[in-house]
Amino acid sequence: MGDSSARVPNEARATNIFLVGLMGAGKTSVGKLLARRLGKTFIDADHEIERATGVRIPLIFEIEGESGFRGRESKLLAELATRSHIVLATGGGAVLLEQNRRLLTEYGTVVYLRATPQDLWHRTRHDRNRPLLHTANPLAKLNELFAERDPLYRQVAHLVVDTGNQSLSSLAHRLEQKLSERAAVQDANKAAAHANRDRTCAP
């Protein structure tokens, strides 16, 4: 029993991909395509919260405030992260809580989809399901969120990918390549570590 539970983080870390980034960064769109390419299950954290509560996220913010929503989000992440073979699109503010950051880095490969506030505003300006952007100046709010969260995204990310203006297909392909390169480096490091250990243990 103890051995089995101890293996869960290692297995999850090897098979899970967690996408982080601000709203409009493309986590859901890229995540769906990447999951299909890699044969993994795609999960959108925000959609899971809406499915569980039966209401849209703006209403959760209105009734429970951001702190109430973050509590629901943190509880959901704790459950989802322990699964394996998933591509998870996290909410833009998931990295605000330290326990979420620790969970993401422990149970998967974290990819930060980075975009400029101007690009994010262009992509989200007609989306009414973004409660934090229900303000007189959404671009100023995005600049504020970027300044606050960019360091946190970088802190948890194993890979940082600038989304720019490339197509969804090109972005998913580029990300798949980066993940493959990282896996190859990890495998080489493991092989080297095993070889060194064998030499050390040799009589």
Protein backbone atom coordinates (compact mmCIF):
# COMPACT_ATOMS: atom_id res chain seq x y z
CA MET A 1 0.00 0.00 0.00
CA GLY A 2 2.75 2.44 0.98
CA ASP A 3 4.85 1.54 -2.06
CA SER A 4 1.90 2.00 -4.39
CA SER A 5 1.04 5.47 -3.08
CA ALA A 6 4.70 6.48 -3.20
CA ARG A 7 4.80 5.69 -6.90
CA VAL A 8 1.82 7.88 -7.77
CA PRO A 9 3.68 11.26 -7.91
CA ASN A 10 6.46 9.75 -10.06
CA GLU A 11 4.02 8.16 -12.48
CA ALA A 12 1.90 11.29 -12.68
CA ARG A 13 4.95 13.49 -13.15
CA ALA A 14 6.06 11.36 -16.07
CA THR A 15 2.69 11.37 -17.84
CA ASN A 16 0.86 14.59 -16.91
CA ILE A 17 1.12 17.97 -18.62
CA PHE A 18 -0.22 21.04 -16.83
CA LEU A 19 -0.75 24.23 -18.85
CA VAL A 20 -0.56 27.54 -16.99
CA GLY A 21 -0.90 31.12 -18.20
CA LEU A 22 -3.22 34.08 -18.22
CA MET A 23 -6.72 34.04 -19.66
CA GLY A 24 -6.60 33.99 -23.44
CA ALA A 25 -3.16 32.36 -23.57
CA GLY A 26 -4.63 29.35 -25.40
CA LYS A 27 -4.50 26.75 -22.65
CA THR A 28 -7.80 25.12 -23.62
CA SER A 29 -7.35 25.26 -27.39
CA VAL A 30 -3.73 24.09 -27.34
CA GLY A 31 -4.45 21.57 -24.60
CA LYS A 32 -7.16 19.82 -26.58
CA LEU A 33 -4.96 19.51 -29.65
CA LEU A 34 -1.91 18.44 -27.67
CA ALA A 35 -3.91 15.76 -25.83
CA ARG A 36 -5.10 14.31 -29.14
CA ARG A 37 -1.55 14.28 -30.49
CA LEU A 38 -0.17 12.56 -27.40
CA GLY A 39 -3.05 10.19 -26.71
CA LYS A 40 -3.85 11.75 -23.34
CA THR A 41 -7.10 12.88 -21.71
CA PHE A 42 -7.78 16.62 -21.84
CA ILE A 43 -9.31 18.34 -18.81
CA ASP A 44 -10.19 22.02 -18.43
CA ALA A 45 -10.21 22.99 -14.75
CA ASP A 46 -12.63 25.90 -15.19
CA HIS A 47 -15.08 23.72 -17.12
CA GLU A 48 -14.88 21.06 -14.40
CA ILE A 49 -15.77 23.65 -11.76
CA GLU A 50 -18.74 24.81 -13.83
CA ARG A 51 -19.88 21.23 -14.37
CA ALA A 52 -19.64 20.45 -10.65
CA THR A 53 -21.49 23.59 -9.53
CA GLY A 54 -23.95 23.83 -12.40
CA VAL A 55 -23.28 27.56 -12.85
CA ARG A 56 -20.87 29.72 -14.83
CA ILE A 57 -17.70 31.06 -13.25
CA PRO A 58 -18.82 34.73 -13.30
CA LEU A 59 -21.77 33.77 -11.06
CA ILE A 60 -19.44 31.92 -8.66
CA PHE A 61 -17.33 35.09 -8.44
CA GLU A 62 -20.46 37.17 -7.88
CA ILE A 63 -21.82 34.96 -5.10
CA GLU A 64 -18.67 33.67 -3.38
CA GLY A 65 -16.07 36.23 -4.43
CA GLU A 66 -12.66 35.38 -5.81
CA SER A 67 -11.56 33.73 -2.55
CA GLY A 68 -14.51 31.33 -2.69
CA PHE A 69 -13.69 30.44 -6.27
CA ARG A 70 -10.00 29.90 -5.45
CA GLY A 71 -11.00 27.48 -2.69
CA ARG A 72 -13.05 25.42 -5.13
CA GLU A 73 -10.24 25.57 -7.67
CA SER A 74 -7.61 24.40 -5.18
CA LYS A 75 -9.75 21.46 -4.06
CA LEU A 76 -10.32 20.41 -7.67
CA LEU A 77 -6.62 20.65 -8.56
CA ALA A 78 -5.73 18.42 -5.61
CA GLU A 79 -8.00 15.74 -7.07
CA LEU A 80 -7.07 16.14 -10.73
CA ALA A 81 -3.30 16.30 -10.25
CA THR A 82 -3.11 12.76 -8.89
CA ARG A 83 -4.51 11.30 -12.10
CA SER A 84 -2.18 10.17 -14.86
CA HIS A 85 -1.95 10.63 -18.63
CA ILE A 86 -3.79 13.96 -18.64
CA VAL A 87 -3.31 17.36 -20.21
CA LEU A 88 -4.79 19.87 -17.75
CA ALA A 89 -5.63 23.46 -18.64
CA THR A 90 -5.53 25.32 -15.32
CA GLY A 91 -7.31 28.56 -14.53
CA GLY A 92 -5.28 31.72 -14.92
CA GLY A 93 -5.11 32.31 -11.17
CA ALA A 94 -4.30 28.75 -10.11
CA VAL A 95 -0.70 29.73 -9.39
CA LEU A 96 -1.68 32.35 -6.80
CA LEU A 97 -1.82 29.78 -3.98
CA GLU A 98 1.47 28.27 -2.89
CA GLN A 99 -0.07 24.82 -2.35
CA ASN A 100 -1.30 24.81 -5.95
CA ARG A 101 2.14 25.72 -7.27
CA ARG A 102 3.72 22.94 -5.23
CA LEU A 103 1.10 20.45 -6.42
CA LEU A 104 1.56 21.29 -10.09
CA THR A 105 5.34 21.02 -10.05
CA GLU A 106 5.19 17.74 -8.10
CA TYR A 107 2.63 15.91 -10.22
CA GLY A 108 3.43 16.85 -13.80
CA THR A 109 5.35 18.79 -16.39
CA VAL A 110 4.24 22.42 -16.16
CA VAL A 111 4.15 24.47 -19.36
CA TYR A 112 3.70 28.23 -19.24
CA LEU A 113 1.95 29.54 -22.34
CA ARG A 114 3.16 33.12 -22.32
CA ALA A 115 1.50 35.95 -24.24
CA THR A 116 1.72 39.73 -24.04
CA PRO A 117 -1.12 41.67 -22.38
CA GLN A 118 -1.88 43.25 -25.76
CA ASP A 119 -2.28 39.84 -27.41
CA LEU A 120 -4.38 38.62 -24.50
CA TRP A 121 -6.66 41.63 -24.72
CA HIS A 122 -7.11 41.08 -28.45
CA ARG A 123 -8.13 37.45 -27.84
CA THR A 124 -10.46 38.08 -24.87
CA ARG A 125 -12.04 41.44 -25.66
CA HIS A 126 -15.38 39.88 -26.77
CA ASP A 127 -15.45 37.13 -24.11
CA ARG A 128 -17.98 37.86 -21.36
CA ASN A 129 -17.02 34.81 -19.28
CA ARG A 130 -13.95 36.51 -17.77
CA PRO A 131 -15.07 38.08 -14.48
CA LEU A 132 -11.73 39.74 -13.75
CA LEU A 133 -12.04 41.66 -17.03
CA HIS A 134 -15.45 43.11 -16.21
CA THR A 135 -13.85 46.50 -15.79
CA ALA A 136 -13.73 49.86 -17.58
CA ASN A 137 -10.19 49.18 -18.84
CA PRO A 138 -9.60 45.45 -19.50
CA LEU A 139 -6.18 46.06 -21.05
CA ALA A 140 -4.96 47.85 -17.92
CA LYS A 141 -6.28 44.96 -15.85
CA LEU A 142 -4.40 42.46 -18.06
CA ASN A 143 -1.21 44.47 -17.62
CA GLU A 144 -1.75 44.36 -13.86
CA LEU A 145 -2.40 40.60 -13.87
CA PHE A 146 0.62 39.97 -16.08
CA ALA A 147 2.91 41.91 -13.74
CA GLU A 148 1.57 39.97 -10.76
CA ARG A 149 1.45 36.46 -12.23
CA ASP A 150 4.24 36.22 -14.82
CA PRO A 151 6.88 35.61 -12.08
CA LEU A 152 4.67 32.91 -10.54
CA TYR A 153 4.12 31.17 -13.88
CA ARG A 154 7.87 31.20 -14.47
CA GLN A 155 8.46 29.86 -10.97
CA VAL A 156 6.39 26.71 -11.55
CA ALA A 157 7.11 26.16 -15.26
CA HIS A 158 9.41 23.45 -16.52
CA LEU A 159 8.93 24.92 -20.01
CA VAL A 160 8.03 28.45 -21.16
CA VAL A 161 6.51 28.83 -24.64
CA ASP A 162 5.79 32.25 -26.13
CA THR A 163 2.54 31.90 -28.06
CA GLY A 164 2.92 34.98 -30.29
CA ASN A 165 0.81 34.98 -33.45
CA GLN A 166 1.53 31.42 -34.57
CA SER A 167 -1.29 29.10 -35.53
CA LEU A 168 -2.79 26.68 -33.07
CA SER A 169 -1.38 23.72 -34.99
CA SER A 170 2.12 25.23 -35.11
CA LEU A 171 2.02 26.02 -31.41
CA ALA A 172 0.93 22.49 -30.49
CA HIS A 173 3.64 21.01 -32.74
CA ARG A 174 6.30 23.26 -31.20
CA LEU A 175 5.18 22.35 -27.71
CA GLU A 176 5.21 18.64 -28.55
CA GLN A 177 8.80 19.00 -29.77
CA LYS A 178 9.87 20.80 -26.59
CA LEU A 179 8.27 18.10 -24.45
CA SER A 180 10.04 15.38 -26.43
CA GLU A 181 13.38 17.16 -26.09
CA ARG A 182 12.87 17.52 -22.33
CA ALA A 183 11.95 13.85 -21.99
CA ALA A 184 15.07 12.85 -23.93
CA VAL A 185 17.29 14.94 -21.64
CA GLN A 186 15.65 13.44 -18.55
CA ASP A 187 16.15 9.91 -19.89
CA ALA A 188 19.83 10.65 -20.63
CA ASN A 189 20.33 12.06 -17.13
CA LYS A 190 18.71 9.00 -15.57
CA ALA A 191 20.92 6.67 -17.63
CA ALA A 192 24.01 8.60 -16.58
CA ALA A 193 22.96 8.54 -12.93
CA HIS A 194 22.43 4.77 -13.06
CA ALA A 195 25.80 4.26 -14.73
CA ASN A 196 27.55 6.33 -12.07
CA ARG A 197 25.77 4.41 -9.32
CA ASP A 198 26.76 1.07 -10.87
CA ARG A 199 30.40 2.17 -11.04
CA THR A 200 30.29 3.33 -7.44
CA CYS A 201 28.78 0.05 -6.24
CA ALA A 202 31.14 -2.14 -8.30
CA PRO A 203 33.66 -4.13 -6.22
